[in-house]
Amino acid sequence: MGFFKKENQISNIIKEKLKANNGKALMPTLRGAPIAFWISPTGMGIETDKLPGYILEWEHFDEIVKKANALGGKMYRADIIAMNSGKLGEEISHDSMEGFIASELLYVLDGTKITRRSTYYSGVLAWAGIVALHRSQGNGSYITVNTKYRNI
């Protein structure tokens, strides 16, 4: 995994904003009500009741933004495909957020059905002001990295 200068790490930006908000907040979504999230009791990342037992690890946020920037600042989420039992490397591209999280961060093998996680990672990043969420315009929903964070 890549590394940034500590003060510029996306994860540190999120941690500081969360600490300033008493360790919990509400992430925006493209549909429906905002979703509550909080710093995990272990301090290893973020938890939400929408993914019981799963921690959104701090380093994953750094890597997702790094990958989105490598793709020109835009990354498709593939959340609907994952929600509908899409398989990694088949219906779900490795360059989508779902595919990247599964293959590069969780080491899931191609051909495996994956769990939707991009909604939560992208929601936290949007809450922190690092990315903007966009509805599908025919190719699926996506994120764009805000200009301030394009060179991180």
C-alpha atoms as a PDB file:
ATOM      1  CA  MET A   1       0.000   0.000   0.000  1.00  0.00           C
ATOM      2  CA  GLY A   2       1.150   3.543  -0.707  1.00  0.00           C
ATOM      3  CA  PHE A   3       2.032   6.068   1.932  1.00  0.00           C
ATOM      4  CA  PHE A   4       1.515   9.815   2.183  1.00  0.00           C
ATOM      5  CA  LYS A   5       3.132  12.310   4.499  1.00  0.00           C
ATOM      6  CA  LYS A   6       1.355  11.755   7.780  1.00  0.00           C
ATOM      7  CA  GLU A   7      -0.237  15.207   7.982  1.00  0.00           C
ATOM      8  CA  ASN A   8      -1.656  14.771   4.460  1.00  0.00           C
ATOM      9  CA  GLN A   9      -3.076  11.295   4.872  1.00  0.00           C
ATOM     10  CA  ILE A  10      -6.755  11.114   4.041  1.00  0.00           C
ATOM     11  CA  SER A  11      -7.240   8.889   7.083  1.00  0.00           C
ATOM     12  CA  ASN A  12      -5.788  11.552   9.390  1.00  0.00           C
ATOM     13  CA  ILE A  13      -8.122  14.172   7.943  1.00  0.00           C
ATOM     14  CA  ILE A  14     -11.096  11.891   8.645  1.00  0.00           C
ATOM     15  CA  LYS A  15      -9.844  11.048  12.162  1.00  0.00           C
ATOM     16  CA  GLU A  16      -9.392  14.718  13.074  1.00  0.00           C
ATOM     17  CA  LYS A  17     -12.835  15.683  11.779  1.00  0.00           C
ATOM     18  CA  LEU A  18     -14.425  12.763  13.631  1.00  0.00           C
ATOM     19  CA  LYS A  19     -12.601  13.588  16.875  1.00  0.00           C
ATOM     20  CA  ALA A  20     -13.869  17.165  16.571  1.00  0.00           C
ATOM     21  CA  ASN A  21     -17.367  15.666  16.261  1.00  0.00           C
ATOM     22  CA  ASN A  22     -17.099  13.473  19.397  1.00  0.00           C
ATOM     23  CA  GLY A  23     -16.133  10.397  17.380  1.00  0.00           C
ATOM     24  CA  LYS A  24     -19.387   9.973  15.472  1.00  0.00           C
ATOM     25  CA  ALA A  25     -21.268  11.501  12.560  1.00  0.00           C
ATOM     26  CA  LEU A  26     -23.812  10.909   9.794  1.00  0.00           C
ATOM     27  CA  MET A  27     -22.612  10.128   6.274  1.00  0.00           C
ATOM     28  CA  PRO A  28     -24.575  11.295   3.235  1.00  0.00           C
ATOM     29  CA  THR A  29     -26.050   8.782   0.813  1.00  0.00           C
ATOM     30  CA  LEU A  30     -27.309   9.097  -2.746  1.00  0.00           C
ATOM     31  CA  ARG A  31     -30.666   7.665  -1.666  1.00  0.00           C
ATOM     32  CA  GLY A  32     -32.346   7.513   1.682  1.00  0.00           C
ATOM     33  CA  ALA A  33     -31.454   8.820   5.102  1.00  0.00           C
ATOM     34  CA  PRO A  34     -27.904   9.601   6.244  1.00  0.00           C
ATOM     35  CA  ILE A  35     -26.107   6.679   7.895  1.00  0.00           C
ATOM     36  CA  ALA A  36     -24.527   6.867  11.350  1.00  0.00           C
ATOM     37  CA  PHE A  37     -20.860   5.951  11.736  1.00  0.00           C
ATOM     38  CA  TRP A  38     -18.308   6.179  14.534  1.00  0.00           C
ATOM     39  CA  ILE A  39     -14.716   5.431  15.442  1.00  0.00           C
ATOM     40  CA  SER A  40     -14.479   1.724  16.264  1.00  0.00           C
ATOM     41  CA  PRO A  41     -13.824   0.797  19.906  1.00  0.00           C
ATOM     42  CA  THR A  42     -10.460  -0.648  18.814  1.00  0.00           C
ATOM     43  CA  GLY A  43      -9.517   2.660  17.136  1.00  0.00           C
ATOM     44  CA  MET A  44      -8.544   0.734  13.981  1.00  0.00           C
ATOM     45  CA  GLY A  45     -11.115   2.461  11.787  1.00  0.00           C
ATOM     46  CA  ILE A  46     -14.794   3.251  11.460  1.00  0.00           C
ATOM     47  CA  GLU A  47     -17.885   1.165  12.141  1.00  0.00           C
ATOM     48  CA  THR A  48     -21.501   1.453  11.046  1.00  0.00           C
ATOM     49  CA  ASP A  49     -24.455  -0.696  12.017  1.00  0.00           C
ATOM     50  CA  LYS A  50     -25.049  -1.301   8.300  1.00  0.00           C
ATOM     51  CA  LEU A  51     -21.966  -3.590   8.189  1.00  0.00           C
ATOM     52  CA  PRO A  52     -21.992  -5.398  11.539  1.00  0.00           C
ATOM     53  CA  GLY A  53     -18.604  -6.751  12.568  1.00  0.00           C
ATOM     54  CA  TYR A  54     -16.726  -4.971   9.749  1.00  0.00           C
ATOM     55  CA  ILE A  55     -14.260  -2.129  10.328  1.00  0.00           C
ATOM     56  CA  LEU A  56     -13.642   0.405   7.572  1.00  0.00           C
ATOM     57  CA  GLU A  57      -9.888   0.543   8.161  1.00  0.00           C
ATOM     58  CA  TRP A  58      -8.148   3.928   8.152  1.00  0.00           C
ATOM     59  CA  GLU A  59      -5.593   2.890   5.518  1.00  0.00           C
ATOM     60  CA  HIS A  60      -8.362   1.851   3.136  1.00  0.00           C
ATOM     61  CA  PHE A  61      -9.480   5.484   2.836  1.00  0.00           C
ATOM     62  CA  ASP A  62      -5.932   6.520   1.857  1.00  0.00           C
ATOM     63  CA  GLU A  63      -5.734   3.784  -0.777  1.00  0.00           C
ATOM     64  CA  ILE A  64      -9.194   4.451  -2.246  1.00  0.00           C
ATOM     65  CA  VAL A  65      -8.395   8.132  -2.799  1.00  0.00           C
ATOM     66  CA  LYS A  66      -4.973   7.251  -4.205  1.00  0.00           C
ATOM     67  CA  LYS A  67      -6.623   4.831  -6.692  1.00  0.00           C
ATOM     68  CA  ALA A  68      -9.341   7.335  -7.622  1.00  0.00           C
ATOM     69  CA  ASN A  69      -6.637   9.933  -8.285  1.00  0.00           C
ATOM     70  CA  ALA A  70      -4.734   7.419 -10.435  1.00  0.00           C
ATOM     71  CA  LEU A  71      -7.947   7.017 -12.458  1.00  0.00           C
ATOM     72  CA  GLY A  72      -8.101  10.769 -13.102  1.00  0.00           C
ATOM     73  CA  GLY A  73     -10.043  11.695  -9.964  1.00  0.00           C
ATOM     74  CA  LYS A  74     -13.203   9.749 -10.865  1.00  0.00           C
ATOM     75  CA  MET A  75     -14.080   6.264  -9.657  1.00  0.00           C
ATOM     76  CA  TYR A  76     -17.246   4.277 -10.331  1.00  0.00           C
ATOM     77  CA  ARG A  77     -18.674   2.616  -7.248  1.00  0.00           C
ATOM     78  CA  ALA A  78     -20.312  -0.566  -8.726  1.00  0.00           C
ATOM     79  CA  ASP A  79     -22.456  -0.740  -5.575  1.00  0.00           C
ATOM     80  CA  ILE A  80     -25.644  -1.850  -7.324  1.00  0.00           C
ATOM     81  CA  ILE A  81     -23.781  -4.648  -9.132  1.00  0.00           C
ATOM     82  CA  ALA A  82     -22.318  -5.850  -5.816  1.00  0.00           C
ATOM     83  CA  MET A  83     -25.731  -5.635  -4.171  1.00  0.00           C
ATOM     84  CA  ASN A  84     -27.076  -7.866  -6.966  1.00  0.00           C
ATOM     85  CA  SER A  85     -24.467 -10.624  -6.441  1.00  0.00           C
ATOM     86  CA  GLY A  86     -21.959  -9.378  -9.006  1.00  0.00           C
ATOM     87  CA  LYS A  87     -18.666 -11.237  -9.200  1.00  0.00           C
ATOM     88  CA  LEU A  88     -15.234  -9.666  -8.953  1.00  0.00           C
ATOM     89  CA  GLY A  89     -13.415  -9.541 -12.287  1.00  0.00           C
ATOM     90  CA  GLU A  90     -16.591 -10.450 -14.168  1.00  0.00           C
ATOM     91  CA  GLU A  91     -19.421  -7.958 -13.651  1.00  0.00           C
ATOM     92  CA  ILE A  92     -17.331  -5.924 -11.201  1.00  0.00           C
ATOM     93  CA  SER A  93     -14.207  -4.237 -12.567  1.00  0.00           C
ATOM     94  CA  HIS A  94     -11.034  -4.035 -10.487  1.00  0.00           C
ATOM     95  CA  ASP A  95     -11.004  -0.282 -11.255  1.00  0.00           C
ATOM     96  CA  SER A  96     -14.400   0.270  -9.606  1.00  0.00           C
ATOM     97  CA  MET A  97     -14.503   1.084  -5.905  1.00  0.00           C
ATOM     98  CA  GLU A  98     -16.145  -2.254  -5.092  1.00  0.00           C
ATOM     99  CA  GLY A  99     -13.604  -4.139  -7.177  1.00  0.00           C
ATOM    100  CA  PHE A 100     -10.637  -2.239  -5.777  1.00  0.00           C
ATOM    101  CA  ILE A 101     -11.725  -2.713  -2.157  1.00  0.00           C
ATOM    102  CA  ALA A 102     -12.338  -6.427  -2.710  1.00  0.00           C
ATOM    103  CA  SER A 103      -9.219  -7.250  -4.731  1.00  0.00           C
ATOM    104  CA  GLU A 104      -6.563  -4.875  -3.407  1.00  0.00           C
ATOM    105  CA  LEU A 105      -7.624  -4.266   0.187  1.00  0.00           C
ATOM    106  CA  LEU A 106      -9.430  -7.467   1.161  1.00  0.00           C
ATOM    107  CA  TYR A 107      -7.621  -9.875  -1.215  1.00  0.00           C
ATOM    108  CA  VAL A 108     -10.793 -11.452  -2.602  1.00  0.00           C
ATOM    109  CA  LEU A 109     -10.276 -13.743  -5.595  1.00  0.00           C
ATOM    110  CA  ASP A 110     -11.763 -13.135  -9.040  1.00  0.00           C
ATOM    111  CA  GLY A 111     -15.090 -14.876  -9.567  1.00  0.00           C
ATOM    112  CA  THR A 112     -16.176 -14.291  -5.964  1.00  0.00           C
ATOM    113  CA  LYS A 113     -19.463 -12.550  -5.154  1.00  0.00           C
ATOM    114  CA  ILE A 114     -18.658  -9.503  -3.053  1.00  0.00           C
ATOM    115  CA  THR A 115     -20.396  -7.519  -0.330  1.00  0.00           C
ATOM    116  CA  ARG A 116     -21.303  -3.911  -1.056  1.00  0.00           C
ATOM    117  CA  ARG A 117     -18.939  -1.604   0.844  1.00  0.00           C
ATOM    118  CA  SER A 118     -18.466   1.397  -1.458  1.00  0.00           C
ATOM    119  CA  THR A 119     -21.586   3.102  -0.096  1.00  0.00           C
ATOM    120  CA  TYR A 120     -19.931   3.395   3.303  1.00  0.00           C
ATOM    121  CA  TYR A 121     -16.404   4.288   2.218  1.00  0.00           C
ATOM    122  CA  SER A 122     -17.674   6.903  -0.232  1.00  0.00           C
ATOM    123  CA  GLY A 123     -20.156   8.258   2.335  1.00  0.00           C
ATOM    124  CA  VAL A 124     -17.415   8.819   4.915  1.00  0.00           C
ATOM    125  CA  LEU A 125     -15.156  10.423   2.303  1.00  0.00           C
ATOM    126  CA  ALA A 126     -18.019  12.713   1.215  1.00  0.00           C
ATOM    127  CA  TRP A 127     -18.827  13.619   4.826  1.00  0.00           C
ATOM    128  CA  ALA A 128     -15.180  14.634   5.308  1.00  0.00           C
ATOM    129  CA  GLY A 129     -15.306  16.828   2.180  1.00  0.00           C
ATOM    130  CA  ILE A 130     -12.721  14.728   0.321  1.00  0.00           C
ATOM    131  CA  VAL A 131     -14.959  13.478  -2.493  1.00  0.00           C
ATOM    132  CA  ALA A 132     -18.298  14.350  -4.069  1.00  0.00           C
ATOM    133  CA  LEU A 133     -20.962  11.677  -4.660  1.00  0.00           C
ATOM    134  CA  HIS A 134     -22.662  11.515  -8.059  1.00  0.00           C
ATOM    135  CA  ARG A 135     -25.767   9.675  -9.212  1.00  0.00           C
ATOM    136  CA  SER A 136     -25.575   7.388 -12.212  1.00  0.00           C
ATOM    137  CA  GLN A 137     -25.774   8.954 -15.635  1.00  0.00           C
ATOM    138  CA  GLY A 138     -26.102   5.566 -17.302  1.00  0.00           C
ATOM    139  CA  ASN A 139     -22.878   3.921 -16.126  1.00  0.00           C
ATOM    140  CA  GLY A 140     -23.461   3.738 -12.373  1.00  0.00           C
ATOM    141  CA  SER A 141     -22.885   6.063  -9.455  1.00  0.00           C
ATOM    142  CA  TYR A 142     -19.393   7.424  -8.899  1.00  0.00           C
ATOM    143  CA  ILE A 143     -17.192   9.655  -6.790  1.00  0.00           C
ATOM    144  CA  THR A 144     -14.948  12.517  -7.813  1.00  0.00           C
ATOM    145  CA  VAL A 145     -12.030  13.593  -5.672  1.00  0.00           C
ATOM    146  CA  ASN A 146     -12.310  17.243  -4.700  1.00  0.00           C
ATOM    147  CA  THR A 147      -9.588  19.465  -6.162  1.00  0.00           C
ATOM    148  CA  LYS A 148      -7.873  20.050  -2.812  1.00  0.00           C
ATOM    149  CA  TYR A 149      -7.149  16.313  -2.528  1.00  0.00           C
ATOM    150  CA  ARG A 150      -6.206  15.541  -6.150  1.00  0.00           C
ATOM    151  CA  ASN A 151      -2.439  15.633  -5.560  1.00  0.00           C
ATOM    152  CA  ILE A 152      -2.367  13.586  -2.383  1.00  0.00           C
END
